[in-house]
Amino acid sequence: MENFLVCALTFERDKNLSGRIYYYLVDFPAELDDEIVVPLNVHGRLQVGKVVKKYVLSPDGKLLPEKKGLLHFLTSRLFCEKLPFCPERLKSALCPFGYRRVSLPSACNTRDLGGLFYDEKHVTAYGNFLRGDEPEGDVSACGVDSLVCFGGDIPADCAVPVRVFPSLFSVEKMGDVDALYAFDVYGEEEAESEFFPSEEEFERAFSQGGALREVFSFLASLSGTVLLCDTFGSRSVELVCMILYLLAGVSLGDIAREREITRKALSRKSKQNVKFLNFASSIPSQGETLSFLKNFLEKYGGAEKFLLSVGLTQGEIDRLRYRMTSVNGN
C-alpha cells in the first residue's frame, strides 16, 4: 500500500458526535481547519467534518505526521500513531466543502446539485443530479447516465438515453437575430426575455401541472447520474432544481444564494485539486429569487404538497427526496 493522506475529522454540527474523531482517506489537498464532505454511515447521507490532524498512512498501517525530511523520517517511526481499526476499513472523503462544480467538456456551465445543507448537519448528495447548458457532444464519457433536456432537439452523437421535454418558458436566442421560441407548455404567447424568468413566468409554469408532473415522474424513474440541461437558454432547469432543492429541505436562503456559494468555491480553487469552468457573470438577484420562493411556499405549502397536487405519487416524491439526500440513491 502506498502512502496516503489521512485526515482526522470532528463533526461540530452533530451533537451526537461531539468529542469523537473519525479518520478518512483524502485524495485532494486539505489543510488543518478545512471542512470536507464525507459519507458518515451506511445510509449514504453526507456530513461536513473539520480537519483537526493530518497524517500519512504508511504501508504497515501506521499514522505518520505529514512532514518531510530525514529527521522526521527517523523520529516519526518512534512517535507514530496506530489506526484504531484495520486500514482497509478507511472510508474516502468526497470533496472539499463548498465544491459546487464539475468539469464536463461536453456540457458547459455544469454544476452538481450536491453540497447544500438540507438540515443542521447534512448536505445534499453529489453525483445524482447535475445541471448545465446544452451539451455540445457525447456526455457518456463524463460519467453521465441519462440526459434530460428542455426545449430544442435531441443532442447529436449522444450515447446515453435522452429525454427532451418542451421548454417551461418562452425562450429567445441571444444576439442580433430574430427570437426563436421553443414549444412551451402554455402555448405561443410571448414572455419577456430575461436571464432569469420573472415571478409571473414562474407562476404560469407552475400552473401547468400536467407538464411538471410528467417531468418529475420521469426523474423519479431514473437512476445513476442525470444531467439536466436547457437548450436555447430556456431556464427551465432553474425551476426544476428549485423544486428539487425545496423537496430535499434546503433553506430558501441557500437556494437563492446557490450561485454565490459556487462563486465562493471558485475563489478557493487554488486549495482544491479540481478543475473548474468559467462562471457566468450574469446571475439573478437574491431578492427576486427569494421573493418567488417565499410566495411558492405560502401558496402551495411546500414542494411535496405541490407535487402531490399535480399528481405525483408519494412513492415518486420519496424517491426524488432520497436521490437528493443520499449518495446511495443512484
C-alpha atoms as a PDB file:
ATOM      1  CA  MET A   1       0.000   0.000   0.000  1.00  0.00           C
ATOM      2  CA  GLU A   2       1.359   3.417  -0.941  1.00  0.00           C
ATOM      3  CA  ASN A   3       1.431   6.318   1.498  1.00  0.00           C
ATOM      4  CA  PHE A   4      -1.945   8.086   1.586  1.00  0.00           C
ATOM      5  CA  LEU A   5      -3.132  11.277   3.229  1.00  0.00           C
ATOM      6  CA  VAL A   6      -5.364  10.530   6.206  1.00  0.00           C
ATOM      7  CA  CYS A   7      -7.279  13.293   7.978  1.00  0.00           C
ATOM      8  CA  ALA A   8      -8.741  13.119  11.466  1.00  0.00           C
ATOM      9  CA  LEU A   9     -12.129  14.849  11.474  1.00  0.00           C
ATOM     10  CA  THR A  10     -14.520  16.183  14.065  1.00  0.00           C
ATOM     11  CA  PHE A  11     -18.184  16.953  13.421  1.00  0.00           C
ATOM     12  CA  GLU A  12     -19.083  20.071  15.350  1.00  0.00           C
ATOM     13  CA  ARG A  13     -22.551  20.399  13.785  1.00  0.00           C
ATOM     14  CA  ASP A  14     -23.632  16.992  15.094  1.00  0.00           C
ATOM     15  CA  LYS A  15     -24.144  16.942  18.875  1.00  0.00           C
ATOM     16  CA  ASN A  16     -24.329  13.141  18.824  1.00  0.00           C
ATOM     17  CA  LEU A  17     -20.727  13.003  17.584  1.00  0.00           C
ATOM     18  CA  SER A  18     -19.313  15.567  19.999  1.00  0.00           C
ATOM     19  CA  GLY A  19     -15.797  14.658  21.125  1.00  0.00           C
ATOM     20  CA  ARG A  20     -15.388  11.831  18.611  1.00  0.00           C
ATOM     21  CA  ILE A  21     -12.699  11.655  15.929  1.00  0.00           C
ATOM     22  CA  TYR A  22     -13.165   9.917  12.583  1.00  0.00           C
ATOM     23  CA  TYR A  23     -10.428   9.063  10.100  1.00  0.00           C
ATOM     24  CA  TYR A  24     -10.762   9.374   6.318  1.00  0.00           C
ATOM     25  CA  LEU A  25      -8.568   8.890   3.282  1.00  0.00           C
ATOM     26  CA  VAL A  26      -8.311  12.189   1.395  1.00  0.00           C
ATOM     27  CA  ASP A  27      -7.186  12.357  -2.245  1.00  0.00           C
ATOM     28  CA  PHE A  28      -7.294  16.173  -2.583  1.00  0.00           C
ATOM     29  CA  PRO A  29      -5.294  18.921  -0.814  1.00  0.00           C
ATOM     30  CA  ALA A  30      -6.582  19.606   2.698  1.00  0.00           C
ATOM     31  CA  GLU A  31      -5.242  21.806   5.477  1.00  0.00           C
ATOM     32  CA  LEU A  32      -5.918  21.971   9.206  1.00  0.00           C
ATOM     33  CA  ASP A  33      -9.327  23.521   9.961  1.00  0.00           C
ATOM     34  CA  ASP A  34     -10.561  22.878   6.406  1.00  0.00           C
ATOM     35  CA  GLU A  35     -14.057  21.442   6.113  1.00  0.00           C
ATOM     36  CA  ILE A  36     -14.606  18.438   3.874  1.00  0.00           C
ATOM     37  CA  VAL A  37     -17.651  16.395   2.874  1.00  0.00           C
ATOM     38  CA  VAL A  38     -17.692  12.722   3.848  1.00  0.00           C
ATOM     39  CA  PRO A  39     -20.151   9.811   3.969  1.00  0.00           C
ATOM     40  CA  LEU A  40     -20.601   9.046   7.651  1.00  0.00           C
ATOM     41  CA  ASN A  41     -22.849   5.998   7.694  1.00  0.00           C
ATOM     42  CA  VAL A  42     -24.253   3.197   5.571  1.00  0.00           C
ATOM     43  CA  HIS A  43     -27.291   5.307   4.666  1.00  0.00           C
ATOM     44  CA  GLY A  44     -25.168   7.384   2.290  1.00  0.00           C
ATOM     45  CA  ARG A  45     -26.010  10.736   3.837  1.00  0.00           C
ATOM     46  CA  LEU A  46     -23.220  13.308   3.735  1.00  0.00           C
ATOM     47  CA  GLN A  47     -21.865  15.403   6.593  1.00  0.00           C
ATOM     48  CA  VAL A  48     -19.208  18.085   6.873  1.00  0.00           C
ATOM     49  CA  GLY A  49     -16.185  17.378   9.051  1.00  0.00           C
ATOM     50  CA  LYS A  50     -13.379  19.661  10.188  1.00  0.00           C
ATOM     51  CA  VAL A  51      -9.748  18.590   9.760  1.00  0.00           C
ATOM     52  CA  VAL A  52      -8.020  18.538  13.169  1.00  0.00           C
ATOM     53  CA  LYS A  53      -4.991  16.376  12.308  1.00  0.00           C
ATOM     54  CA  LYS A  54      -3.220  15.205   9.156  1.00  0.00           C
ATOM     55  CA  TYR A  55      -1.257  12.013   8.716  1.00  0.00           C
ATOM     56  CA  VAL A  56       0.424   9.862   6.139  1.00  0.00           C
ATOM     57  CA  LEU A  57      -0.712   6.244   6.242  1.00  0.00           C
ATOM     58  CA  SER A  58       2.358   4.036   5.963  1.00  0.00           C
ATOM     59  CA  PRO A  59       2.281   0.640   4.188  1.00  0.00           C
ATOM     60  CA  ASP A  60       2.245  -1.109   7.576  1.00  0.00           C
ATOM     61  CA  GLY A  61      -0.858   0.793   8.742  1.00  0.00           C
ATOM     62  CA  LYS A  62       0.826   3.413  10.946  1.00  0.00           C
ATOM     63  CA  LEU A  63      -0.220   7.069  11.014  1.00  0.00           C
ATOM     64  CA  LEU A  64       2.827   9.254  10.476  1.00  0.00           C
ATOM     65  CA  PRO A  65       2.789  13.053  10.899  1.00  0.00           C
ATOM     66  CA  GLU A  66       2.665  14.735   7.498  1.00  0.00           C
ATOM     67  CA  LYS A  67       6.165  16.206   7.365  1.00  0.00           C
ATOM     68  CA  LYS A  68       9.265  15.658   5.292  1.00  0.00           C
ATOM     69  CA  GLY A  69      12.990  15.308   5.906  1.00  0.00           C
ATOM     70  CA  LEU A  70      15.386  12.674   7.208  1.00  0.00           C
ATOM     71  CA  LEU A  71      14.979  13.664  10.872  1.00  0.00           C
ATOM     72  CA  HIS A  72      11.235  13.404  10.567  1.00  0.00           C
ATOM     73  CA  PHE A  73      11.566  10.033   8.852  1.00  0.00           C
ATOM     74  CA  LEU A  74      13.587   8.657  11.755  1.00  0.00           C
ATOM     75  CA  THR A  75      11.591  10.180  14.624  1.00  0.00           C
ATOM     76  CA  SER A  76       8.167   9.507  13.102  1.00  0.00           C
ATOM     77  CA  ARG A  77       8.749   5.775  13.477  1.00  0.00           C
ATOM     78  CA  LEU A  78       9.213   6.304  17.208  1.00  0.00           C
ATOM     79  CA  PHE A  79       6.246   8.615  17.775  1.00  0.00           C
ATOM     80  CA  CYS A  80       3.761   7.314  15.229  1.00  0.00           C
ATOM     81  CA  GLU A  81       0.114   6.575  15.997  1.00  0.00           C
ATOM     82  CA  LYS A  82      -1.832   3.473  15.164  1.00  0.00           C
ATOM     83  CA  LEU A  83      -5.223   3.431  13.482  1.00  0.00           C
ATOM     84  CA  PRO A  84      -7.938   2.215  15.866  1.00  0.00           C
ATOM     85  CA  PHE A  85      -9.064  -0.238  13.176  1.00  0.00           C
ATOM     86  CA  CYS A  86      -7.821  -2.078  10.101  1.00  0.00           C
ATOM     87  CA  PRO A  87      -6.624   0.338   7.336  1.00  0.00           C
ATOM     88  CA  GLU A  88      -8.832  -1.459   4.807  1.00  0.00           C
ATOM     89  CA  ARG A  89     -11.863  -0.082   6.662  1.00  0.00           C
ATOM     90  CA  LEU A  90     -10.922   3.532   5.989  1.00  0.00           C
ATOM     91  CA  LYS A  91     -13.562   5.397   4.009  1.00  0.00           C
ATOM     92  CA  SER A  92     -12.695   8.052   1.447  1.00  0.00           C
ATOM     93  CA  ALA A  93     -13.613  11.715   1.790  1.00  0.00           C
ATOM     94  CA  LEU A  94     -15.732  13.006  -1.059  1.00  0.00           C
ATOM     95  CA  CYS A  95     -14.661  16.607  -1.707  1.00  0.00           C
ATOM     96  CA  PRO A  96     -13.931  19.952  -0.030  1.00  0.00           C
ATOM     97  CA  PHE A  97     -16.977  21.607   1.495  1.00  0.00           C
ATOM     98  CA  GLY A  98     -18.191  24.262  -0.917  1.00  0.00           C
ATOM     99  CA  TYR A  99     -17.219  22.304  -4.014  1.00  0.00           C
ATOM    100  CA  ARG A 100     -20.079  23.117  -6.347  1.00  0.00           C
ATOM    101  CA  ARG A 101     -18.653  22.442  -9.789  1.00  0.00           C
ATOM    102  CA  VAL A 102     -17.858  19.569 -12.063  1.00  0.00           C
ATOM    103  CA  SER A 103     -15.832  19.734 -15.246  1.00  0.00           C
ATOM    104  CA  LEU A 104     -17.697  18.286 -18.202  1.00  0.00           C
ATOM    105  CA  PRO A 105     -16.019  19.029 -21.541  1.00  0.00           C
ATOM    106  CA  SER A 106     -19.255  18.258 -23.401  1.00  0.00           C
ATOM    107  CA  ALA A 107     -21.586  20.458 -21.330  1.00  0.00           C
ATOM    108  CA  CYS A 108     -20.624  23.965 -20.285  1.00  0.00           C
ATOM    109  CA  ASN A 109     -21.556  25.756 -17.051  1.00  0.00           C
ATOM    110  CA  THR A 110     -22.210  22.408 -15.373  1.00  0.00           C
ATOM    111  CA  ARG A 111     -22.531  22.041 -11.619  1.00  0.00           C
ATOM    112  CA  ASP A 112     -23.641  19.374  -9.190  1.00  0.00           C
ATOM    113  CA  LEU A 113     -26.745  19.764  -7.038  1.00  0.00           C
ATOM    114  CA  GLY A 114     -24.793  18.332  -4.120  1.00  0.00           C
ATOM    115  CA  GLY A 115     -23.239  20.253  -1.260  1.00  0.00           C
ATOM    116  CA  LEU A 116     -26.049  22.432   0.143  1.00  0.00           C
ATOM    117  CA  PHE A 117     -27.253  21.899   3.719  1.00  0.00           C
ATOM    118  CA  TYR A 118     -30.764  20.471   3.900  1.00  0.00           C
ATOM    119  CA  ASP A 119     -30.798  20.183   7.693  1.00  0.00           C
ATOM    120  CA  GLU A 120     -28.477  21.202  10.523  1.00  0.00           C
ATOM    121  CA  LYS A 121     -25.770  18.652   9.721  1.00  0.00           C
ATOM    122  CA  HIS A 122     -26.328  17.001   6.313  1.00  0.00           C
ATOM    123  CA  VAL A 123     -25.708  18.270   2.767  1.00  0.00           C
ATOM    124  CA  THR A 124     -27.372  17.239  -0.487  1.00  0.00           C
ATOM    125  CA  ALA A 125     -25.857  14.286  -2.315  1.00  0.00           C
ATOM    126  CA  TYR A 126     -23.250  14.561  -5.025  1.00  0.00           C
ATOM    127  CA  GLY A 127     -23.352  12.572  -8.236  1.00  0.00           C
ATOM    128  CA  ASN A 128     -27.098  12.045  -8.674  1.00  0.00           C
ATOM    129  CA  PHE A 129     -28.246  15.269 -10.380  1.00  0.00           C
ATOM    130  CA  LEU A 130     -26.159  17.681 -12.443  1.00  0.00           C
ATOM    131  CA  ARG A 131     -27.340  20.803 -14.219  1.00  0.00           C
ATOM    132  CA  GLY A 132     -25.874  22.643 -17.169  1.00  0.00           C
ATOM    133  CA  ASP A 133     -26.311  24.235 -20.555  1.00  0.00           C
ATOM    134  CA  GLU A 134     -26.955  22.470 -23.831  1.00  0.00           C
ATOM    135  CA  PRO A 135     -24.392  19.655 -24.376  1.00  0.00           C
ATOM    136  CA  GLU A 136     -22.007  20.070 -27.252  1.00  0.00           C
ATOM    137  CA  GLY A 137     -21.151  16.400 -27.590  1.00  0.00           C
ATOM    138  CA  ASP A 138     -21.365  12.961 -26.021  1.00  0.00           C
ATOM    139  CA  VAL A 139     -21.606  13.165 -22.214  1.00  0.00           C
ATOM    140  CA  SER A 140     -21.379   9.412 -21.613  1.00  0.00           C
ATOM    141  CA  ALA A 141     -17.597   9.611 -21.200  1.00  0.00           C
ATOM    142  CA  CYS A 142     -18.102  12.107 -18.354  1.00  0.00           C
ATOM    143  CA  GLY A 143     -19.974   9.672 -16.134  1.00  0.00           C
ATOM    144  CA  VAL A 144     -23.462  10.817 -17.112  1.00  0.00           C
ATOM    145  CA  ASP A 145     -26.025   8.005 -17.329  1.00  0.00           C
ATOM    146  CA  SER A 146     -29.096   9.926 -18.536  1.00  0.00           C
ATOM    147  CA  LEU A 147     -29.704  13.262 -20.216  1.00  0.00           C
ATOM    148  CA  VAL A 148     -32.867  15.329 -19.695  1.00  0.00           C
ATOM    149  CA  CYS A 149     -33.227  18.369 -21.967  1.00  0.00           C
ATOM    150  CA  PHE A 150     -35.784  21.174 -22.074  1.00  0.00           C
ATOM    151  CA  GLY A 151     -36.570  22.609 -25.481  1.00  0.00           C
ATOM    152  CA  GLY A 152     -34.797  22.004 -28.773  1.00  0.00           C
ATOM    153  CA  ASP A 153     -33.765  18.698 -30.312  1.00  0.00           C
ATOM    154  CA  ILE A 154     -32.038  15.621 -29.001  1.00  0.00           C
ATOM    155  CA  PRO A 155     -28.288  16.351 -28.972  1.00  0.00           C
ATOM    156  CA  ALA A 156     -26.393  14.557 -31.728  1.00  0.00           C
ATOM    157  CA  ASP A 157     -23.734  11.925 -31.020  1.00  0.00           C
ATOM    158  CA  CYS A 158     -25.016  11.155 -27.532  1.00  0.00           C
ATOM    159  CA  ALA A 159     -24.625   7.570 -26.381  1.00  0.00           C
ATOM    160  CA  VAL A 160     -26.749   7.858 -23.213  1.00  0.00           C
ATOM    161  CA  PRO A 161     -30.559   7.733 -23.031  1.00  0.00           C
ATOM    162  CA  VAL A 162     -32.038  11.172 -23.761  1.00  0.00           C
ATOM    163  CA  ARG A 163     -35.467  12.610 -22.955  1.00  0.00           C
ATOM    164  CA  VAL A 164     -36.495  16.003 -24.326  1.00  0.00           C
ATOM    165  CA  PHE A 165     -39.308  17.986 -22.701  1.00  0.00           C
ATOM    166  CA  PRO A 166     -40.868  21.196 -24.019  1.00  0.00           C
ATOM    167  CA  SER A 167     -39.432  24.343 -22.516  1.00  0.00           C
ATOM    168  CA  LEU A 168     -41.329  25.541 -19.450  1.00  0.00           C
ATOM    169  CA  PHE A 169     -40.799  29.162 -20.534  1.00  0.00           C
ATOM    170  CA  SER A 170     -40.686  31.126 -23.754  1.00  0.00           C
ATOM    171  CA  VAL A 171     -37.073  31.367 -24.806  1.00  0.00           C
ATOM    172  CA  GLU A 172     -35.068  33.671 -27.009  1.00  0.00           C
ATOM    173  CA  LYS A 173     -31.698  33.208 -28.653  1.00  0.00           C
ATOM    174  CA  MET A 174     -29.093  35.722 -27.634  1.00  0.00           C
ATOM    175  CA  GLY A 175     -27.693  38.106 -30.242  1.00  0.00           C
ATOM    176  CA  ASP A 176     -28.987  40.175 -33.129  1.00  0.00           C
ATOM    177  CA  VAL A 177     -31.262  37.505 -34.532  1.00  0.00           C
ATOM    178  CA  ASP A 178     -34.980  37.019 -34.585  1.00  0.00           C
ATOM    179  CA  ALA A 179     -36.435  35.495 -31.437  1.00  0.00           C
ATOM    180  CA  LEU A 180     -36.803  31.751 -31.611  1.00  0.00           C
ATOM    181  CA  TYR A 181     -39.447  30.385 -29.300  1.00  0.00           C
ATOM    182  CA  ALA A 182     -39.461  26.736 -28.310  1.00  0.00           C
ATOM    183  CA  PHE A 183     -42.767  24.958 -27.968  1.00  0.00           C
ATOM    184  CA  ASP A 184     -43.726  25.789 -24.405  1.00  0.00           C
ATOM    185  CA  VAL A 185     -46.283  24.364 -22.038  1.00  0.00           C
ATOM    186  CA  TYR A 186     -48.554  27.396 -22.095  1.00  0.00           C
ATOM    187  CA  GLY A 187     -48.786  27.997 -25.854  1.00  0.00           C
ATOM    188  CA  GLU A 188     -47.364  30.567 -28.239  1.00  0.00           C
ATOM    189  CA  GLU A 189     -47.799  33.680 -26.144  1.00  0.00           C
ATOM    190  CA  GLU A 190     -44.583  35.644 -25.787  1.00  0.00           C
ATOM    191  CA  ALA A 191     -42.958  36.251 -22.432  1.00  0.00           C
ATOM    192  CA  GLU A 192     -40.321  38.784 -21.549  1.00  0.00           C
ATOM    193  CA  SER A 193     -36.855  37.508 -22.369  1.00  0.00           C
ATOM    194  CA  GLU A 194     -34.672  37.826 -19.277  1.00  0.00           C
ATOM    195  CA  PHE A 195     -31.757  35.849 -17.950  1.00  0.00           C
ATOM    196  CA  PHE A 196     -33.984  34.705 -15.119  1.00  0.00           C
ATOM    197  CA  PRO A 197     -37.761  34.246 -15.516  1.00  0.00           C
ATOM    198  CA  SER A 198     -39.994  36.705 -13.740  1.00  0.00           C
ATOM    199  CA  GLU A 199     -42.344  35.693 -10.934  1.00  0.00           C
ATOM    200  CA  GLU A 200     -45.235  35.869 -13.398  1.00  0.00           C
ATOM    201  CA  GLU A 201     -43.493  33.442 -15.740  1.00  0.00           C
ATOM    202  CA  PHE A 202     -42.751  31.077 -12.875  1.00  0.00           C
ATOM    203  CA  GLU A 203     -46.378  31.212 -11.811  1.00  0.00           C
ATOM    204  CA  ARG A 204     -47.533  30.353 -15.317  1.00  0.00           C
ATOM    205  CA  ALA A 205     -45.107  27.465 -15.492  1.00  0.00           C
ATOM    206  CA  PHE A 206     -46.304  26.162 -12.118  1.00  0.00           C
ATOM    207  CA  SER A 207     -49.885  26.345 -13.338  1.00  0.00           C
ATOM    208  CA  GLN A 208     -49.113  23.702 -15.952  1.00  0.00           C
ATOM    209  CA  GLY A 209     -49.394  20.820 -13.534  1.00  0.00           C
ATOM    210  CA  GLY A 210     -49.538  18.144 -16.219  1.00  0.00           C
ATOM    211  CA  ALA A 211     -46.211  19.157 -17.728  1.00  0.00           C
ATOM    212  CA  LEU A 212     -44.461  19.310 -14.360  1.00  0.00           C
ATOM    213  CA  ARG A 213     -45.994  16.004 -13.288  1.00  0.00           C
ATOM    214  CA  GLU A 214     -44.530  14.346 -16.376  1.00  0.00           C
ATOM    215  CA  VAL A 215     -41.093  15.866 -15.743  1.00  0.00           C
ATOM    216  CA  PHE A 216     -40.819  14.876 -12.086  1.00  0.00           C
ATOM    217  CA  SER A 217     -42.392  11.478 -12.563  1.00  0.00           C
ATOM    218  CA  PHE A 218     -39.765  10.742 -15.199  1.00  0.00           C
ATOM    219  CA  LEU A 219     -36.935  11.994 -12.962  1.00  0.00           C
ATOM    220  CA  ALA A 220     -38.156   9.697 -10.179  1.00  0.00           C
ATOM    221  CA  SER A 221     -37.826   6.706 -12.525  1.00  0.00           C
ATOM    222  CA  LEU A 222     -34.142   7.322 -13.283  1.00  0.00           C
ATOM    223  CA  SER A 223     -31.028   6.047 -11.561  1.00  0.00           C
ATOM    224  CA  GLY A 224     -27.349   6.893 -11.889  1.00  0.00           C
ATOM    225  CA  THR A 225     -26.106  10.371 -12.767  1.00  0.00           C
ATOM    226  CA  VAL A 226     -28.689  12.548 -14.508  1.00  0.00           C
ATOM    227  CA  LEU A 227     -27.701  15.734 -16.365  1.00  0.00           C
ATOM    228  CA  LEU A 228     -30.496  18.317 -16.547  1.00  0.00           C
ATOM    229  CA  CYS A 229     -29.858  20.866 -19.265  1.00  0.00           C
ATOM    230  CA  ASP A 230     -31.509  23.763 -21.046  1.00  0.00           C
ATOM    231  CA  THR A 231     -31.351  24.123 -24.797  1.00  0.00           C
ATOM    232  CA  PHE A 232     -31.686  27.603 -26.301  1.00  0.00           C
ATOM    233  CA  GLY A 233     -31.315  29.080 -22.811  1.00  0.00           C
ATOM    234  CA  SER A 234     -34.853  28.225 -21.730  1.00  0.00           C
ATOM    235  CA  ARG A 235     -34.106  28.423 -17.963  1.00  0.00           C
ATOM    236  CA  SER A 236     -36.442  25.501 -17.295  1.00  0.00           C
ATOM    237  CA  VAL A 237     -33.764  23.709 -15.284  1.00  0.00           C
ATOM    238  CA  GLU A 238     -33.768  26.661 -12.869  1.00  0.00           C
ATOM    239  CA  LEU A 239     -37.358  25.851 -11.946  1.00  0.00           C
ATOM    240  CA  VAL A 240     -36.852  22.087 -11.725  1.00  0.00           C
ATOM    241  CA  CYS A 241     -33.783  22.438  -9.491  1.00  0.00           C
ATOM    242  CA  MET A 242     -35.590  24.857  -7.175  1.00  0.00           C
ATOM    243  CA  ILE A 243     -38.316  22.292  -6.568  1.00  0.00           C
ATOM    244  CA  LEU A 244     -35.756  19.511  -6.012  1.00  0.00           C
ATOM    245  CA  TYR A 245     -33.856  21.656  -3.505  1.00  0.00           C
ATOM    246  CA  LEU A 246     -37.063  22.567  -1.658  1.00  0.00           C
ATOM    247  CA  LEU A 247     -38.135  18.923  -1.600  1.00  0.00           C
ATOM    248  CA  ALA A 248     -34.803  17.964  -0.025  1.00  0.00           C
ATOM    249  CA  GLY A 249     -35.218  20.618   2.658  1.00  0.00           C
ATOM    250  CA  VAL A 250     -32.628  23.186   1.529  1.00  0.00           C
ATOM    251  CA  SER A 251     -33.381  26.606   3.024  1.00  0.00           C
ATOM    252  CA  LEU A 252     -34.762  29.439   0.946  1.00  0.00           C
ATOM    253  CA  GLY A 253     -31.660  31.494   1.589  1.00  0.00           C
ATOM    254  CA  ASP A 254     -29.264  28.813   0.383  1.00  0.00           C
ATOM    255  CA  ILE A 255     -31.320  28.216  -2.761  1.00  0.00           C
ATOM    256  CA  ALA A 256     -31.293  31.934  -3.532  1.00  0.00           C
ATOM    257  CA  ARG A 257     -27.553  32.099  -2.871  1.00  0.00           C
ATOM    258  CA  GLU A 258     -26.671  28.857  -4.665  1.00  0.00           C
ATOM    259  CA  ARG A 259     -24.662  30.569  -7.371  1.00  0.00           C
ATOM    260  CA  GLU A 260     -22.938  32.824  -4.867  1.00  0.00           C
ATOM    261  CA  ILE A 261     -21.949  29.709  -2.913  1.00  0.00           C
ATOM    262  CA  THR A 262     -20.485  28.399  -6.150  1.00  0.00           C
ATOM    263  CA  ARG A 263     -18.604  31.656  -6.636  1.00  0.00           C
ATOM    264  CA  LYS A 264     -17.058  31.336  -3.158  1.00  0.00           C
ATOM    265  CA  ALA A 265     -15.979  27.806  -4.017  1.00  0.00           C
ATOM    266  CA  LEU A 266     -14.279  29.141  -7.140  1.00  0.00           C
ATOM    267  CA  SER A 267     -12.317  31.626  -5.034  1.00  0.00           C
ATOM    268  CA  ARG A 268     -10.840  28.687  -3.101  1.00  0.00           C
ATOM    269  CA  LYS A 269      -9.915  26.651  -6.165  1.00  0.00           C
ATOM    270  CA  SER A 270      -6.184  27.099  -5.557  1.00  0.00           C
ATOM    271  CA  LYS A 271      -6.594  24.887  -2.486  1.00  0.00           C
ATOM    272  CA  GLN A 272      -8.562  22.220  -4.316  1.00  0.00           C
ATOM    273  CA  ASN A 273      -7.280  19.634  -6.744  1.00  0.00           C
ATOM    274  CA  VAL A 274     -10.287  20.010  -9.024  1.00  0.00           C
ATOM    275  CA  LYS A 275     -10.971  21.657 -12.378  1.00  0.00           C
ATOM    276  CA  PHE A 276     -13.461  24.498 -12.599  1.00  0.00           C
ATOM    277  CA  LEU A 277     -15.188  26.016 -15.589  1.00  0.00           C
ATOM    278  CA  ASN A 278     -15.766  29.724 -16.117  1.00  0.00           C
ATOM    279  CA  PHE A 279     -18.615  31.104 -14.087  1.00  0.00           C
ATOM    280  CA  ALA A 280     -21.421  33.045 -15.749  1.00  0.00           C
ATOM    281  CA  SER A 281     -21.224  36.735 -14.931  1.00  0.00           C
ATOM    282  CA  SER A 282     -24.981  37.345 -15.055  1.00  0.00           C
ATOM    283  CA  ILE A 283     -26.877  35.934 -12.091  1.00  0.00           C
ATOM    284  CA  PRO A 284     -30.380  36.544 -10.797  1.00  0.00           C
ATOM    285  CA  SER A 285     -30.570  38.731  -7.734  1.00  0.00           C
ATOM    286  CA  GLN A 286     -31.107  37.061  -4.384  1.00  0.00           C
ATOM    287  CA  GLY A 287     -34.097  39.250  -3.657  1.00  0.00           C
ATOM    288  CA  GLU A 288     -36.082  38.277  -6.748  1.00  0.00           C
ATOM    289  CA  THR A 289     -35.383  34.583  -6.311  1.00  0.00           C
ATOM    290  CA  LEU A 290     -36.173  34.578  -2.607  1.00  0.00           C
ATOM    291  CA  SER A 291     -39.379  36.527  -3.147  1.00  0.00           C
ATOM    292  CA  PHE A 292     -40.665  33.961  -5.606  1.00  0.00           C
ATOM    293  CA  LEU A 293     -39.751  31.016  -3.406  1.00  0.00           C
ATOM    294  CA  LYS A 294     -41.492  32.547  -0.405  1.00  0.00           C
ATOM    295  CA  ASN A 295     -44.642  33.038  -2.456  1.00  0.00           C
ATOM    296  CA  PHE A 296     -44.397  29.474  -3.690  1.00  0.00           C
ATOM    297  CA  LEU A 297     -44.217  28.059  -0.171  1.00  0.00           C
ATOM    298  CA  GLU A 298     -47.101  30.216   1.031  1.00  0.00           C
ATOM    299  CA  LYS A 299     -49.363  29.259  -1.858  1.00  0.00           C
ATOM    300  CA  TYR A 300     -48.654  25.532  -2.100  1.00  0.00           C
ATOM    301  CA  GLY A 301     -47.443  24.736   1.409  1.00  0.00           C
ATOM    302  CA  GLY A 302     -44.141  23.321   0.236  1.00  0.00           C
ATOM    303  CA  ALA A 303     -42.665  21.302  -2.615  1.00  0.00           C
ATOM    304  CA  GLU A 304     -44.128  17.968  -1.507  1.00  0.00           C
ATOM    305  CA  LYS A 305     -47.695  19.289  -1.337  1.00  0.00           C
ATOM    306  CA  PHE A 306     -47.264  20.956  -4.712  1.00  0.00           C
ATOM    307  CA  LEU A 307     -46.043  17.754  -6.364  1.00  0.00           C
ATOM    308  CA  LEU A 308     -48.880  15.798  -4.772  1.00  0.00           C
ATOM    309  CA  SER A 309     -51.338  18.382  -6.095  1.00  0.00           C
ATOM    310  CA  VAL A 310     -50.161  17.902  -9.689  1.00  0.00           C
ATOM    311  CA  GLY A 311     -50.452  14.129  -9.481  1.00  0.00           C
ATOM    312  CA  LEU A 312     -47.158  12.638  -8.315  1.00  0.00           C
ATOM    313  CA  THR A 313     -47.427   9.633  -6.026  1.00  0.00           C
ATOM    314  CA  GLN A 314     -45.936   9.627  -2.539  1.00  0.00           C
ATOM    315  CA  GLY A 315     -43.549   6.911  -3.683  1.00  0.00           C
ATOM    316  CA  GLU A 316     -42.233   9.094  -6.503  1.00  0.00           C
ATOM    317  CA  ILE A 317     -41.782  12.032  -4.154  1.00  0.00           C
ATOM    318  CA  ASP A 318     -39.933   9.882  -1.606  1.00  0.00           C
ATOM    319  CA  ARG A 319     -37.684   8.583  -4.384  1.00  0.00           C
ATOM    320  CA  LEU A 320     -36.782  12.104  -5.512  1.00  0.00           C
ATOM    321  CA  ARG A 321     -36.046  13.208  -1.950  1.00  0.00           C
ATOM    322  CA  TYR A 322     -33.886  10.127  -1.380  1.00  0.00           C
ATOM    323  CA  ARG A 323     -31.940  10.815  -4.574  1.00  0.00           C
ATOM    324  CA  MET A 324     -31.318  14.388  -3.425  1.00  0.00           C
ATOM    325  CA  THR A 325     -30.103  13.408   0.038  1.00  0.00           C
ATOM    326  CA  SER A 326     -28.273  10.070  -0.282  1.00  0.00           C
ATOM    327  CA  VAL A 327     -25.267   9.042  -2.369  1.00  0.00           C
ATOM    328  CA  ASN A 328     -26.815   5.560  -2.296  1.00  0.00           C
ATOM    329  CA  GLY A 329     -29.781   6.971  -4.205  1.00  0.00           C
ATOM    330  CA  ASN A 330     -28.404   6.174  -7.635  1.00  0.00           C
END
